[in-house]
Every structure is written in structure tokens, then in C-alpha cells.
Amino acid sequence: MTNATVPDVRSALKEGIARLRAAQVPSHTLAAELLLMHALGSDRTWLYTHSESPVDVAHIEKYFALIGRRAAGEPTQYLTGKQEFWGLEFEVTPAVLIPRPETEHVVEVALERLGPRGIKIDMKTGAPSPTLRVADVGTGSGCLAVALAHELPHAEIFANDISGAALEVARRNATRHSVADQIEFQQGNLLEPLVNGSFLFDVIVSNPPYIARDEADSLSREVRDHEPHTALFGGPTGIEIYSTLIEQSRALLQSRGILVLELGYGSADAVRRMFDAQRDWANVSVANDLAGIPRVLAAERV
């Protein structure tokens, strides 16, 4: 593609796909589409209904600069600055983990375990339901906190992260989705910022770091080289963080309070044994993701 020619949308997209394919980028067609939409400020419908429209030099240069960065390993989501989660569009930056579809199962399980408590109005009396108190540990982009605030308008949510930069992204996402008044953001490690609070929680959710340090080389370059390591690696084996989370949650959940944790690959049995070793938990269950992989563990505080 040269400056001497003025390409149309179709030829620009075709060239972008070819360059990403040659670089062995996963889902190269989708990535090329998303980057062209971002460069042009358009949506997919416009892209395909205006395939013969010419693209000016400035937009072409922007597009192929993005294609080059994606070919070098930068995730598409960081290049466009956004990712969908729970039907909502979230801002993402290299300060936060990119929300994954499998993490939506944490929201699903939390809502399922809450049952009638998750409904704003008592279906029998018509009276407002009591305020729910929810904690999101390691909130990152705020995707879990914002999704739960969206589904639970009677919830008061406390979201914390060790990263101040991540919290800034999370605050912007809460504002974007008009739930900032429901969420209090705090900086700190795990549940430590909440230990001295004056109340107990109904629900604690977390997608903690759960990858073993020695597994770094097995990760894709997109993940290993670009996503924040504090949100990825959970220690030498990857499960160390769970025991601390479980112990802190035991002290901060009220009776019948629910703990919902995303699980790393192959960690379900080991994490479940942590609950079995204590008398303070009941109704421990593990839910699989759409690929049949054990993904979310939930337990109820006795």
C-alpha cells in the first residue's frame, strides 16, 4: 500500500488481514476489522456497507501503524482501548488485565447464589430489599464491580486493587456506566483495606492472580509481554493467594455470605481442599466454563 494510491475500505482491510496472518496473529481477521473500525471511528456495519469508500492517507497511516503494533504482539484491546464484558464496553489500558469471557461466570455464579437476595424488591411484600454489601478483590478494570452494580442496584460495592493506575481505570468505567455512586474504590492488597470496617459482607468476589511463575514461558506473547504481571502471577505454584483470600473472607463475610473465586487451570481440587480443611464453609461447589474447564468456585460462610 503506497501513498500514491488511495485505497478503499475493502483493500485496506484485505491488506491488514494479510499482514496479521503473515505475523501469525491469532484471530487475524477479527483483529484487522477491529483495528480498522477504530482507525476510522466506524462500526462493523459501516465497514461492510461502505467497502468501496476511499480511505484518506491519515487514516491509512493510523491503521497500518496499529496493524504493525498488533503484529509485534500488542493486544488488540490495548490498541483500541476497549473490551466488552457482561454486555458492557469497558476501557482497558496496559495497567489492567483484559477482561475475559470466562470471568463472566463469576457474575453468573454470584447472582445465582444470591437468589432472592439479589432482587431489589421483596417479591412477597413489595418492600425494598436490604442493602447488599459486596467486595470485589483485585478489581482491575472494575469489570466485576461494575457488572454487579449494574445487576444489583441495591448493592453497596467496595472494590480494591493494589495498583493505583488500575483503580483510575476502574473509576472511569464506573462513571461510564453510571454506577460510580454505588462503588467505593480503595487501594491495598487483597482484603486488607476492608479489615477494619464496621460491617460484614454478603458477597465477596475475586478473579485473583493464579498463574504459576514458572509457567510464564507458556503464555502467549500478548499476555506475557503486555498484561500486568501483578494481575497474572499468583506465586510459585499459582494457588498461594487463595489461602489468604479464603482466610480473610472467612473473617469478613456474614453468616450465609458467599465467596466466589475464579480458578486457574487445574487448580480446582487444590483450592477446594482449602475449604474442606475448615469448618466455617458449606455448600462448596465448582462451576465449569463453556469449554468444560472448572472455572468458578463458590462457598457459603457458615
Protein backbone atom coordinates (compact mmCIF):
# COMPACT_ATOMS: atom_id res chain seq x y z
CA MET A 1 0.00 0.00 0.00
CA THR A 2 1.64 3.28 -1.07
CA ASN A 3 0.77 6.94 -0.67
CA ALA A 4 0.44 7.14 -4.47
CA THR A 5 -2.77 5.15 -4.34
CA VAL A 6 -5.89 5.89 -2.36
CA PRO A 7 -7.17 2.52 -1.12
CA ASP A 8 -10.78 1.80 -0.39
CA VAL A 9 -12.06 0.18 2.80
CA ARG A 10 -12.07 -3.31 1.32
CA SER A 11 -8.47 -3.22 0.08
CA ALA A 12 -7.20 -1.69 3.33
CA LEU A 13 -8.91 -4.44 5.33
CA LYS A 14 -7.60 -7.14 3.00
CA GLU A 15 -4.05 -5.84 3.38
CA GLY A 16 -4.40 -5.63 7.16
CA ILE A 17 -5.62 -9.22 7.34
CA ALA A 18 -2.72 -10.39 5.17
CA ARG A 19 -0.13 -8.67 7.36
CA LEU A 20 -1.56 -10.11 10.58
CA ARG A 21 -1.85 -13.56 9.04
CA ALA A 22 1.79 -13.42 7.99
CA ALA A 23 2.70 -12.47 11.58
CA GLN A 24 0.70 -15.48 12.83
CA VAL A 25 -1.59 -13.30 14.92
CA PRO A 26 -4.50 -15.28 16.42
CA SER A 27 -7.94 -14.29 15.05
CA HIS A 28 -6.19 -12.10 12.49
CA THR A 29 -9.36 -11.27 10.54
CA LEU A 30 -11.22 -10.06 13.63
CA ALA A 31 -8.20 -8.08 14.80
CA ALA A 32 -7.84 -6.38 11.41
CA GLU A 33 -11.55 -5.49 11.42
CA LEU A 34 -11.48 -4.06 14.93
CA LEU A 35 -8.37 -2.00 14.24
CA LEU A 36 -9.82 -0.59 11.01
CA MET A 37 -13.06 0.28 12.79
CA HIS A 38 -11.01 2.01 15.48
CA ALA A 39 -8.85 3.91 12.98
CA LEU A 40 -11.90 5.09 11.02
CA GLY A 41 -14.15 5.68 14.02
CA SER A 42 -16.77 3.41 12.45
CA ASP A 43 -18.73 0.29 13.33
CA ARG A 44 -18.78 -3.06 11.54
CA THR A 45 -21.99 -2.28 9.65
CA TRP A 46 -20.45 0.87 8.16
CA LEU A 47 -17.27 -1.03 7.31
CA TYR A 48 -19.11 -3.52 5.12
CA THR A 49 -21.72 -1.20 3.65
CA HIS A 50 -19.03 1.28 2.59
CA SER A 51 -16.41 -1.21 1.41
CA GLU A 52 -15.69 0.81 -1.75
CA SER A 53 -15.30 4.14 0.03
CA PRO A 54 -11.82 5.66 -0.24
CA VAL A 55 -9.72 5.95 2.92
CA ASP A 56 -7.62 9.10 3.30
CA VAL A 57 -3.90 8.99 3.94
CA ALA A 58 -4.11 9.98 7.62
CA HIS A 59 -6.50 7.12 8.43
CA ILE A 60 -4.47 4.63 6.40
CA GLU A 61 -1.28 5.60 8.22
CA LYS A 62 -3.02 5.26 11.56
CA TYR A 63 -4.46 1.88 10.59
CA PHE A 64 -1.22 0.32 9.43
CA ALA A 65 0.63 1.69 12.43
CA LEU A 66 -1.88 -0.21 14.58
CA ILE A 67 -1.50 -3.29 12.39
CA GLY A 68 2.26 -3.14 12.89
CA ARG A 69 1.89 -2.92 16.65
CA ARG A 70 -0.56 -5.83 16.69
CA ALA A 71 1.79 -7.88 14.51
CA ALA A 72 4.52 -7.19 17.09
CA GLY A 73 2.35 -8.65 19.86
CA GLU A 74 0.38 -5.80 21.43
CA PRO A 75 -3.16 -6.97 22.27
CA THR A 76 -5.95 -5.55 20.13
CA GLN A 77 -7.82 -4.42 23.26
CA TYR A 78 -4.95 -2.20 24.37
CA LEU A 79 -4.69 -0.71 20.89
CA THR A 80 -8.40 0.14 20.73
CA GLY A 81 -8.65 0.87 24.45
CA LYS A 82 -11.78 -1.18 24.98
CA GLN A 83 -13.21 -4.63 25.64
CA GLU A 84 -16.76 -5.88 26.11
CA PHE A 85 -17.73 -7.65 29.33
CA TRP A 86 -21.22 -8.62 30.51
CA GLY A 87 -22.68 -6.73 27.53
CA LEU A 88 -20.94 -3.51 28.64
CA GLU A 89 -18.00 -1.76 27.00
CA PHE A 90 -15.02 -1.25 29.31
CA GLU A 91 -12.00 0.95 28.93
CA VAL A 92 -8.80 -1.09 29.17
CA THR A 93 -5.18 0.04 29.34
CA PRO A 94 -1.92 -1.84 29.96
CA ALA A 95 -2.49 -1.07 33.67
CA VAL A 96 -5.30 -3.64 33.84
CA LEU A 97 -5.92 -7.24 32.90
CA ILE A 98 -8.07 -7.57 29.78
CA PRO A 99 -11.49 -8.91 30.88
CA ARG A 100 -12.12 -12.44 29.59
CA PRO A 101 -15.48 -14.02 28.71
CA GLU A 102 -14.88 -16.80 31.25
CA THR A 103 -14.76 -14.26 34.06
CA GLU A 104 -18.43 -13.54 33.36
CA HIS A 105 -19.11 -16.86 35.09
CA VAL A 106 -18.10 -15.18 38.38
CA VAL A 107 -21.00 -12.75 37.93
CA GLU A 108 -23.38 -15.56 36.95
CA VAL A 109 -22.49 -17.71 39.96
CA ALA A 110 -22.70 -14.78 42.39
CA LEU A 111 -26.18 -13.85 41.15
CA GLU A 112 -27.32 -17.47 41.20
CA ARG A 113 -26.08 -17.97 44.76
CA LEU A 114 -27.76 -14.76 45.96
CA GLY A 115 -31.14 -15.90 44.67
CA PRO A 116 -33.98 -13.73 46.04
CA ARG A 117 -31.47 -11.57 47.91
CA GLY A 118 -30.31 -10.31 44.54
CA ILE A 119 -33.72 -8.83 43.67
CA LYS A 120 -34.20 -5.16 44.54
CA ILE A 121 -37.81 -5.61 45.66
CA ASP A 122 -39.04 -8.34 48.00
CA MET A 123 -41.36 -10.35 45.76
CA LYS A 124 -43.62 -11.31 48.68
CA THR A 125 -44.03 -7.98 50.43
CA GLY A 126 -43.14 -5.44 47.75
CA ALA A 127 -40.78 -3.75 50.20
CA PRO A 128 -37.25 -2.74 49.18
CA SER A 129 -34.70 -5.49 49.81
CA PRO A 130 -31.98 -4.81 52.40
CA THR A 131 -28.79 -3.25 51.09
CA LEU A 132 -26.28 -5.83 49.92
CA ARG A 133 -22.63 -5.29 50.68
CA VAL A 134 -20.28 -6.67 48.05
CA ALA A 135 -16.48 -6.69 47.82
CA ASP A 136 -14.52 -7.11 44.59
CA VAL A 137 -10.92 -8.08 45.37
CA GLY A 138 -8.34 -7.10 42.76
CA THR A 139 -10.84 -5.15 40.70
CA GLY A 140 -8.52 -4.26 37.81
CA SER A 141 -10.68 -2.63 35.12
CA GLY A 142 -13.63 -2.81 37.52
CA CYS A 143 -15.47 -5.25 35.26
CA LEU A 144 -16.82 -7.42 38.11
CA ALA A 145 -17.72 -4.49 40.36
CA VAL A 146 -19.46 -2.58 37.55
CA ALA A 147 -21.31 -5.63 36.24
CA LEU A 148 -22.56 -6.50 39.74
CA ALA A 149 -23.57 -2.88 40.40
CA HIS A 150 -25.47 -2.96 37.12
CA GLU A 151 -27.31 -6.14 38.16
CA LEU A 152 -27.73 -5.27 41.85
CA PRO A 153 -28.98 -1.67 42.16
CA HIS A 154 -29.46 -2.19 45.91
CA ALA A 155 -25.82 -3.16 46.43
CA GLU A 156 -23.05 -1.14 48.01
CA ILE A 157 -19.80 -2.32 46.45
CA PHE A 158 -16.25 -1.98 47.72
CA ALA A 159 -13.64 -2.57 45.03
CA ASN A 160 -9.93 -2.63 45.75
CA ASP A 161 -6.70 -3.18 43.89
CA ILE A 162 -3.02 -2.97 44.76
CA SER A 163 -2.47 -0.82 41.66
CA GLY A 164 -3.39 2.86 41.77
CA ALA A 165 -3.26 3.03 37.96
CA ALA A 166 -5.76 0.18 37.71
CA LEU A 167 -8.09 1.92 40.14
CA GLU A 168 -8.12 5.03 37.95
CA VAL A 169 -9.30 2.91 35.01
CA ALA A 170 -11.91 1.22 37.21
CA ARG A 171 -13.25 4.59 38.42
CA ARG A 172 -13.64 5.78 34.84
CA ASN A 173 -15.52 2.60 33.94
CA ALA A 174 -17.85 3.03 36.90
CA THR A 175 -18.58 6.58 35.78
CA ARG A 176 -19.04 5.47 32.17
CA HIS A 177 -21.77 3.05 33.24
CA SER A 178 -23.42 5.37 35.78
CA VAL A 179 -22.68 3.21 38.84
CA ALA A 180 -19.95 5.32 40.45
CA ASP A 181 -22.26 6.22 43.33
CA GLN A 182 -22.56 2.51 44.21
CA ILE A 183 -18.86 1.69 44.27
CA GLU A 184 -16.15 2.76 46.69
CA PHE A 185 -12.64 2.18 45.35
CA GLN A 186 -9.73 1.58 47.71
CA GLN A 187 -6.06 0.80 47.16
CA GLY A 188 -4.49 -2.10 49.00
CA ASN A 189 -3.53 -5.76 48.91
CA LEU A 190 -6.42 -8.24 48.74
CA LEU A 191 -8.96 -7.58 51.53
CA GLU A 192 -6.61 -5.65 53.80
CA PRO A 193 -8.30 -2.25 53.13
CA LEU A 194 -11.58 -3.70 54.47
CA VAL A 195 -10.34 -5.48 57.58
CA ASN A 196 -11.10 -2.59 59.95
CA GLY A 197 -14.57 -1.90 58.57
CA SER A 198 -17.65 -1.71 60.76
CA PHE A 199 -19.74 -4.26 58.86
CA LEU A 200 -19.62 -7.69 57.24
CA PHE A 201 -20.20 -8.56 53.59
CA ASP A 202 -22.91 -10.52 51.80
CA VAL A 203 -20.72 -11.37 48.81
CA ILE A 204 -17.00 -11.34 48.08
CA VAL A 205 -15.86 -11.95 44.52
CA SER A 206 -12.39 -12.14 43.04
CA ASN A 207 -10.51 -13.00 39.90
CA PRO A 208 -7.12 -13.25 41.61
CA PRO A 209 -3.67 -13.74 40.07
CA TYR A 210 -3.45 -17.51 39.64
CA ILE A 211 -0.70 -18.33 37.14
CA ALA A 212 2.45 -20.01 38.44
CA ARG A 213 5.66 -18.03 37.95
CA ASP A 214 7.37 -20.88 36.12
CA GLU A 215 4.52 -21.00 33.59
CA ALA A 216 5.36 -17.57 32.17
CA ASP A 217 7.11 -19.02 29.14
CA SER A 218 3.99 -21.00 28.22
CA LEU A 219 1.86 -17.87 27.92
CA SER A 220 1.22 -16.13 24.63
CA ARG A 221 3.41 -13.10 24.00
CA GLU A 222 0.32 -10.90 24.15
CA VAL A 223 -0.27 -11.94 27.75
CA ARG A 224 3.31 -12.43 28.96
CA ASP A 225 4.78 -9.24 27.49
CA HIS A 226 1.88 -6.81 27.82
CA GLU A 227 -0.59 -7.60 30.60
CA PRO A 228 0.28 -6.55 34.19
CA HIS A 229 2.23 -9.26 35.99
CA THR A 230 0.73 -8.34 39.36
CA ALA A 231 -2.66 -9.40 37.94
CA LEU A 232 -1.32 -12.60 36.37
CA PHE A 233 1.10 -14.39 38.68
CA GLY A 234 -0.06 -15.82 42.00
CA GLY A 235 3.21 -17.24 43.30
CA PRO A 236 5.46 -20.25 42.66
CA THR A 237 2.52 -22.63 42.11
CA GLY A 238 -0.20 -20.09 41.33
CA ILE A 239 -2.52 -21.11 44.18
CA GLU A 240 -0.79 -19.42 47.13
CA ILE A 241 -3.06 -16.39 47.00
CA TYR A 242 -6.23 -18.46 47.54
CA SER A 243 -5.43 -19.46 51.11
CA THR A 244 -5.01 -15.81 52.10
CA LEU A 245 -8.22 -14.82 50.32
CA ILE A 246 -10.17 -17.60 51.98
CA GLU A 247 -8.90 -16.72 55.44
CA GLN A 248 -9.60 -13.00 55.02
CA SER A 249 -13.06 -13.73 53.59
CA ARG A 250 -13.88 -16.03 56.50
CA ALA A 251 -13.45 -13.05 58.82
CA LEU A 252 -15.33 -10.55 56.65
CA LEU A 253 -18.39 -12.50 55.45
CA GLN A 254 -21.54 -12.58 57.50
CA SER A 255 -23.44 -15.82 58.08
CA ARG A 256 -24.73 -17.11 54.70
CA GLY A 257 -22.28 -14.77 53.00
CA ILE A 258 -20.94 -16.01 49.68
CA LEU A 259 -17.37 -16.20 48.41
CA VAL A 260 -16.96 -16.57 44.63
CA LEU A 261 -13.49 -17.15 43.17
CA GLU A 262 -12.27 -17.59 39.63
CA LEU A 263 -9.97 -20.60 39.34
CA GLY A 264 -6.80 -21.13 37.38
CA TYR A 265 -6.46 -24.11 35.08
CA GLY A 266 -6.02 -27.32 37.06
CA SER A 267 -6.38 -25.64 40.47
CA ALA A 268 -9.95 -26.67 41.39
CA ASP A 269 -9.09 -29.69 43.53
CA ALA A 270 -6.32 -27.94 45.45
CA VAL A 271 -8.44 -24.87 46.17
CA ARG A 272 -11.43 -26.97 47.18
CA ARG A 273 -9.30 -28.81 49.72
CA MET A 274 -8.56 -25.46 51.38
CA PHE A 275 -12.27 -25.16 52.15
CA ASP A 276 -12.64 -28.79 53.19
CA ALA A 277 -9.94 -28.27 55.80
CA GLN A 278 -12.09 -25.69 57.62
CA ARG A 279 -15.44 -25.93 59.42
CA ASP A 280 -16.57 -22.43 58.51
CA TRP A 281 -17.74 -23.18 54.96
CA ALA A 282 -20.68 -25.03 53.45
CA ASN A 283 -22.19 -25.63 50.02
CA VAL A 284 -18.85 -25.56 48.26
CA SER A 285 -19.35 -26.00 44.51
CA VAL A 286 -17.37 -25.62 41.31
CA ALA A 287 -18.87 -24.41 38.01
CA ASN A 288 -17.35 -25.14 34.61
CA ASP A 289 -16.89 -22.61 31.85
CA LEU A 290 -18.21 -23.14 28.32
CA ALA A 291 -15.14 -25.21 27.47
CA GLY A 292 -15.91 -27.59 30.34
CA ILE A 293 -12.98 -26.34 32.44
CA PRO A 294 -13.59 -25.87 36.20
CA ARG A 295 -13.66 -22.09 36.35
CA VAL A 296 -15.50 -20.73 39.40
CA LEU A 297 -15.65 -21.93 42.99
CA ALA A 298 -18.37 -20.70 45.33
CA ALA A 299 -18.77 -21.33 49.04
CA GLU A 300 -21.12 -20.14 51.80
CA ARG A 301 -19.92 -18.89 55.15
CA VAL A 302 -21.49 -20.88 57.98
